Each structure stands twice: as C-alpha cells, then as structure tokens.
PDB file of all heavy atoms in Angstrom:
ATOM      1  N   SER A   1     -41.326 -34.083  20.668  1.00  0.00           N
ATOM      2  CA  SER A   1     -42.110 -34.506  19.542  1.00  0.00           C
ATOM      3  C   SER A   1     -41.247 -35.034  18.405  1.00  0.00           C
ATOM      4  O   SER A   1     -41.791 -35.626  17.457  1.00  0.00           O
ATOM      5  CB  SER A   1     -42.968 -33.359  19.041  1.00  0.00           C
ATOM      6  OG  SER A   1     -42.195 -32.253  18.636  1.00  0.00           O
ATOM      7  N   ALA A   2     -39.922 -34.850  18.487  1.00  0.00           N
ATOM      8  CA  ALA A   2     -39.028 -35.389  17.452  1.00  0.00           C
ATOM      9  C   ALA A   2     -38.889 -36.901  17.552  1.00  0.00           C
ATOM     10  O   ALA A   2     -38.402 -37.542  16.649  1.00  0.00           O
ATOM     11  CB  ALA A   2     -37.645 -34.736  17.551  1.00  0.00           C
ATOM     12  N   VAL A   3     -39.250 -37.476  18.702  1.00  0.00           N
ATOM     13  CA  VAL A   3     -39.214 -38.950  18.814  1.00  0.00           C
ATOM     14  C   VAL A   3     -40.194 -39.559  17.869  1.00  0.00           C
ATOM     15  O   VAL A   3     -41.159 -38.948  17.502  1.00  0.00           O
ATOM     16  CB  VAL A   3     -39.534 -39.318  20.299  1.00  0.00           C
ATOM     17  CG1 VAL A   3     -39.336 -40.837  20.498  1.00  0.00           C
ATOM     18  CG2 VAL A   3     -38.635 -38.578  21.230  1.00  0.00           C
ATOM     19  N   ARG A   4     -39.946 -40.801  17.464  1.00  0.00           N
ATOM     20  CA  ARG A   4     -40.824 -41.510  16.492  1.00  0.00           C
ATOM     21  C   ARG A   4     -42.271 -41.270  16.827  1.00  0.00           C
ATOM     22  O   ARG A   4     -42.770 -41.712  17.835  1.00  0.00           O
ATOM     23  CB  ARG A   4     -40.504 -42.964  16.591  1.00  0.00           C
ATOM     24  CG  ARG A   4     -39.054 -43.309  16.437  1.00  0.00           C
ATOM     25  CD  ARG A   4     -38.787 -44.728  16.908  1.00  0.00           C
ATOM     26  NE  ARG A   4     -39.173 -44.866  18.275  1.00  0.00           N
ATOM     27  CZ  ARG A   4     -39.164 -45.996  18.936  1.00  0.00           C
ATOM     28  NH1 ARG A   4     -38.818 -47.094  18.306  1.00  0.00           N
ATOM     29  NH2 ARG A   4     -39.487 -46.110  20.178  1.00  0.00           N
ATOM     30  N   VAL A   5     -42.964 -40.622  15.911  1.00  0.00           N
ATOM     31  CA  VAL A   5     -44.372 -40.347  16.141  1.00  0.00           C
ATOM     32  C   VAL A   5     -45.175 -41.656  16.206  1.00  0.00           C
ATOM     33  O   VAL A   5     -45.100 -42.462  15.335  1.00  0.00           O
ATOM     34  CB  VAL A   5     -44.927 -39.430  15.017  1.00  0.00           C
ATOM     35  CG1 VAL A   5     -46.431 -39.231  15.167  1.00  0.00           C
ATOM     36  CG2 VAL A   5     -44.187 -38.111  15.024  1.00  0.00           C
ATOM     37  N   ALA A   6     -45.906 -41.795  17.263  1.00  0.00           N
ATOM     38  CA  ALA A   6     -46.853 -42.918  17.482  1.00  0.00           C
ATOM     39  C   ALA A   6     -46.187 -44.285  17.558  1.00  0.00           C
ATOM     40  O   ALA A   6     -46.823 -45.291  17.432  1.00  0.00           O
ATOM     41  CB  ALA A   6     -47.921 -42.940  16.393  1.00  0.00           C
ATOM     42  N   LYS A   7     -44.877 -44.332  17.745  1.00  0.00           N
ATOM     43  CA  LYS A   7     -44.196 -45.609  17.806  1.00  0.00           C
ATOM     44  C   LYS A   7     -44.211 -46.197  19.217  1.00  0.00           C
ATOM     45  O   LYS A   7     -44.396 -47.343  19.442  1.00  0.00           O
ATOM     46  CB  LYS A   7     -42.773 -45.507  17.303  1.00  0.00           C
ATOM     47  CG  LYS A   7     -42.102 -46.872  17.183  1.00  0.00           C
ATOM     48  CD  LYS A   7     -40.945 -46.784  16.259  1.00  0.00           C
ATOM     49  CE  LYS A   7     -40.344 -48.139  15.980  1.00  0.00           C
ATOM     50  NZ  LYS A   7     -39.768 -48.759  17.128  1.00  0.00           N
ATOM     51  N   THR A   8     -43.930 -45.329  20.210  1.00  0.00           N
ATOM     52  CA  THR A   8     -44.049 -45.746  21.596  1.00  0.00           C
ATOM     53  C   THR A   8     -44.878 -44.724  22.353  1.00  0.00           C
ATOM     54  O   THR A   8     -45.202 -43.674  21.807  1.00  0.00           O
ATOM     55  CB  THR A   8     -42.659 -45.946  22.234  1.00  0.00           C
ATOM     56  OG1 THR A   8     -41.946 -44.715  22.087  1.00  0.00           O
ATOM     57  CG2 THR A   8     -41.890 -47.077  21.588  1.00  0.00           C
ATOM     58  N   LEU A   9     -45.152 -44.932  23.597  1.00  0.00           N
ATOM     59  CA  LEU A   9     -46.102 -44.087  24.283  1.00  0.00           C
ATOM     60  C   LEU A   9     -45.686 -42.619  24.392  1.00  0.00           C
ATOM     61  O   LEU A   9     -46.496 -41.758  24.170  1.00  0.00           O
ATOM     62  CB  LEU A   9     -46.311 -44.642  25.711  1.00  0.00           C
ATOM     63  CG  LEU A   9     -46.870 -46.039  25.782  1.00  0.00           C
ATOM     64  CD1 LEU A   9     -47.037 -46.444  27.226  1.00  0.00           C
ATOM     65  CD2 LEU A   9     -48.163 -46.170  25.059  1.00  0.00           C
ATOM     66  N   LEU A  10     -44.463 -42.354  24.672  1.00  0.00           N
ATOM     67  CA  LEU A  10     -43.996 -40.963  24.805  1.00  0.00           C
ATOM     68  C   LEU A  10     -44.225 -40.138  23.563  1.00  0.00           C
ATOM     69  O   LEU A  10     -44.816 -39.078  23.619  1.00  0.00           O
ATOM     70  CB  LEU A  10     -42.524 -40.917  25.232  1.00  0.00           C
ATOM     71  CG  LEU A  10     -41.886 -39.551  25.309  1.00  0.00           C
ATOM     72  CD1 LEU A  10     -42.578 -38.687  26.338  1.00  0.00           C
ATOM     73  CD2 LEU A  10     -40.400 -39.667  25.639  1.00  0.00           C
ATOM     74  N   PRO A  11     -43.783 -40.584  22.366  1.00  0.00           N
ATOM     75  CA  PRO A  11     -44.047 -39.783  21.193  1.00  0.00           C
ATOM     76  C   PRO A  11     -45.518 -39.631  20.846  1.00  0.00           C
ATOM     77  O   PRO A  11     -45.910 -38.586  20.315  1.00  0.00           O
ATOM     78  CB  PRO A  11     -43.277 -40.500  20.075  1.00  0.00           C
ATOM     79  CG  PRO A  11     -43.021 -41.853  20.579  1.00  0.00           C
ATOM     80  CD  PRO A  11     -42.900 -41.728  22.076  1.00  0.00           C
ATOM     81  N   VAL A  12     -46.299 -40.615  21.123  1.00  0.00           N
ATOM     82  CA  VAL A  12     -47.724 -40.488  20.852  1.00  0.00           C
ATOM     83  C   VAL A  12     -48.293 -39.338  21.650  1.00  0.00           C
ATOM     84  O   VAL A  12     -49.011 -38.479  21.168  1.00  0.00           O
ATOM     85  CB  VAL A  12     -48.436 -41.786  21.200  1.00  0.00           C
ATOM     86  CG1 VAL A  12     -49.945 -41.617  21.115  1.00  0.00           C
ATOM     87  CG2 VAL A  12     -48.044 -42.915  20.285  1.00  0.00           C
ATOM     88  N   ILE A  13     -47.939 -39.257  22.916  1.00  0.00           N
ATOM     89  CA  ILE A  13     -48.496 -38.225  23.784  1.00  0.00           C
ATOM     90  C   ILE A  13     -47.946 -36.878  23.340  1.00  0.00           C
ATOM     91  O   ILE A  13     -48.678 -35.924  23.203  1.00  0.00           O
ATOM     92  CB  ILE A  13     -48.150 -38.512  25.251  1.00  0.00           C
ATOM     93  CG1 ILE A  13     -48.857 -39.767  25.747  1.00  0.00           C
ATOM     94  CG2 ILE A  13     -48.481 -37.353  26.156  1.00  0.00           C
ATOM     95  CD1 ILE A  13     -48.461 -40.249  27.065  1.00  0.00           C
ATOM     96  N   ALA A  14     -46.621 -36.822  23.129  1.00  0.00           N
ATOM     97  CA  ALA A  14     -45.998 -35.549  22.801  1.00  0.00           C
ATOM     98  C   ALA A  14     -46.494 -35.008  21.455  1.00  0.00           C
ATOM     99  O   ALA A  14     -46.477 -33.826  21.229  1.00  0.00           O
ATOM    100  CB  ALA A  14     -44.480 -35.702  22.795  1.00  0.00           C
ATOM    101  N   ALA A  15     -46.918 -35.907  20.577  1.00  0.00           N
ATOM    102  CA  ALA A  15     -47.313 -35.478  19.244  1.00  0.00           C
ATOM    103  C   ALA A  15     -48.824 -35.213  19.162  1.00  0.00           C
ATOM    104  O   ALA A  15     -49.380 -35.120  18.092  1.00  0.00           O
ATOM    105  CB  ALA A  15     -46.950 -36.539  18.208  1.00  0.00           C
ATOM    106  N   GLY A  16     -49.453 -35.128  20.308  1.00  0.00           N
ATOM    107  CA  GLY A  16     -50.877 -34.813  20.292  1.00  0.00           C
ATOM    108  C   GLY A  16     -51.736 -35.960  19.841  1.00  0.00           C
ATOM    109  O   GLY A  16     -52.798 -35.797  19.267  1.00  0.00           O
ATOM    110  N   TRP A  17     -51.242 -37.194  20.129  1.00  0.00           N
ATOM    111  CA  TRP A  17     -52.047 -38.383  19.843  1.00  0.00           C
ATOM    112  C   TRP A  17     -52.316 -38.555  18.316  1.00  0.00           C
ATOM    113  O   TRP A  17     -53.375 -38.982  17.906  1.00  0.00           O
ATOM    114  CB  TRP A  17     -53.364 -38.360  20.601  1.00  0.00           C
ATOM    115  CG  TRP A  17     -53.137 -38.254  22.060  1.00  0.00           C
ATOM    116  CD1 TRP A  17     -53.209 -37.148  22.794  1.00  0.00           C
ATOM    117  CD2 TRP A  17     -52.683 -39.280  22.912  1.00  0.00           C
ATOM    118  NE1 TRP A  17     -52.854 -37.405  24.105  1.00  0.00           N
ATOM    119  CE2 TRP A  17     -52.527 -38.712  24.183  1.00  0.00           C
ATOM    120  CE3 TRP A  17     -52.397 -40.647  22.768  1.00  0.00           C
ATOM    121  CZ2 TRP A  17     -52.123 -39.450  25.310  1.00  0.00           C
ATOM    122  CZ3 TRP A  17     -51.995 -41.371  23.838  1.00  0.00           C
ATOM    123  CH2 TRP A  17     -51.833 -40.775  25.073  1.00  0.00           C
ATOM    124  N   ASN A  18     -51.301 -38.211  17.526  1.00  0.00           N
ATOM    125  CA  ASN A  18     -51.455 -38.409  16.060  1.00  0.00           C
ATOM    126  C   ASN A  18     -51.099 -39.871  15.740  1.00  0.00           C
ATOM    127  O   ASN A  18     -49.969 -40.187  15.415  1.00  0.00           O
ATOM    128  CB  ASN A  18     -50.511 -37.458  15.357  1.00  0.00           C
ATOM    129  CG  ASN A  18     -50.605 -37.639  13.853  1.00  0.00           C
ATOM    130  OD1 ASN A  18     -51.516 -38.255  13.330  1.00  0.00           O
ATOM    131  ND2 ASN A  18     -49.621 -37.104  13.130  1.00  0.00           N
ATOM    132  N   VAL A  19     -52.076 -40.730  15.864  1.00  0.00           N
ATOM    133  CA  VAL A  19     -51.800 -42.142  15.630  1.00  0.00           C
ATOM    134  C   VAL A  19     -52.058 -42.604  14.177  1.00  0.00           C
ATOM    135  O   VAL A  19     -51.772 -43.712  13.831  1.00  0.00           O
ATOM    136  CB  VAL A  19     -52.665 -43.030  16.566  1.00  0.00           C
ATOM    137  CG1 VAL A  19     -52.314 -42.725  17.993  1.00  0.00           C
ATOM    138  CG2 VAL A  19     -54.123 -42.816  16.329  1.00  0.00           C
ATOM    139  N   ALA A  20     -52.537 -41.715  13.373  1.00  0.00           N
ATOM    140  CA  ALA A  20     -52.936 -42.129  12.029  1.00  0.00           C
ATOM    141  C   ALA A  20     -51.753 -42.453  11.140  1.00  0.00           C
ATOM    142  O   ALA A  20     -51.908 -43.176  10.155  1.00  0.00           O
ATOM    143  CB  ALA A  20     -53.764 -41.016  11.376  1.00  0.00           C
ATOM    144  N   CYS A  21     -50.553 -42.012  11.512  1.00  0.00           N
ATOM    145  CA  CYS A  21     -49.394 -42.257  10.647  1.00  0.00           C
ATOM    146  C   CYS A  21     -48.878 -43.678  10.737  1.00  0.00           C
ATOM    147  O   CYS A  21     -48.117 -44.108   9.916  1.00  0.00           O
ATOM    148  CB  CYS A  21     -48.245 -41.304  10.987  1.00  0.00           C
ATOM    149  SG  CYS A  21     -47.595 -41.573  12.630  1.00  0.00           S
ATOM    150  N   ALA A  22     -49.296 -44.414  11.715  1.00  0.00           N
ATOM    151  CA  ALA A  22     -48.827 -45.808  11.888  1.00  0.00           C
ATOM    152  C   ALA A  22     -49.766 -46.786  11.234  1.00  0.00           C
ATOM    153  O   ALA A  22     -50.973 -46.651  11.353  1.00  0.00           O
ATOM    154  CB  ALA A  22     -48.680 -46.133  13.374  1.00  0.00           C
ATOM    155  N   GLN A  23     -49.196 -47.738  10.510  1.00  0.00           N
ATOM    156  CA  GLN A  23     -49.992 -48.769   9.908  1.00  0.00           C
ATOM    157  C   GLN A  23     -49.585 -50.086  10.548  1.00  0.00           C
ATOM    158  O   GLN A  23     -48.418 -50.478  10.475  1.00  0.00           O
ATOM    159  CB  GLN A  23     -49.736 -48.822   8.412  1.00  0.00           C
ATOM    160  CG  GLN A  23     -50.074 -47.495   7.706  1.00  0.00           C
ATOM    161  CD  GLN A  23     -49.581 -47.453   6.293  1.00  0.00           C
ATOM    162  OE1 GLN A  23     -48.973 -48.399   5.839  1.00  0.00           O
ATOM    163  NE2 GLN A  23     -49.857 -46.346   5.618  1.00  0.00           N
ATOM    164  N   ASP A  24     -50.514 -50.790  11.175  1.00  0.00           N
ATOM    165  CA  ASP A  24     -50.217 -52.008  11.939  1.00  0.00           C
ATOM    166  C   ASP A  24     -50.701 -53.226  11.175  1.00  0.00           C
ATOM    167  O   ASP A  24     -51.707 -53.181  10.416  1.00  0.00           O
ATOM    168  CB  ASP A  24     -50.866 -51.998  13.315  1.00  0.00           C
ATOM    169  CG  ASP A  24     -50.360 -50.860  14.152  1.00  0.00           C
ATOM    170  OD1 ASP A  24     -49.216 -50.383  13.865  1.00  0.00           O
ATOM    171  OD2 ASP A  24     -51.033 -50.459  15.101  1.00  0.00           O
ATOM    172  N   ALA A  25     -50.042 -54.363  11.395  1.00  0.00           N
ATOM    173  CA  ALA A  25     -50.473 -55.610  10.867  1.00  0.00           C
ATOM    174  C   ALA A  25     -50.019 -56.720  11.813  1.00  0.00           C
ATOM    175  O   ALA A  25     -49.027 -56.591  12.481  1.00  0.00           O
ATOM    176  CB  ALA A  25     -49.886 -55.844   9.458  1.00  0.00           C
TER     177      ALA A  25
END
C-alpha cells in the first residue's frame, strides 16, 4: 500500500480502491 495510491493498478487494489485522491484532467 506504500506504492503511489491510485496511480497504477497495483496501488489502487492494495489501497482498497481509494481512488478519490487522484484528480484527472
């Protein structure tokens, strides 16, 4: 879970799908 949260697939899964921290444009 220390990998970049929600940046690539592995951290998204490991972090419990916490995608709210990423802002896309």
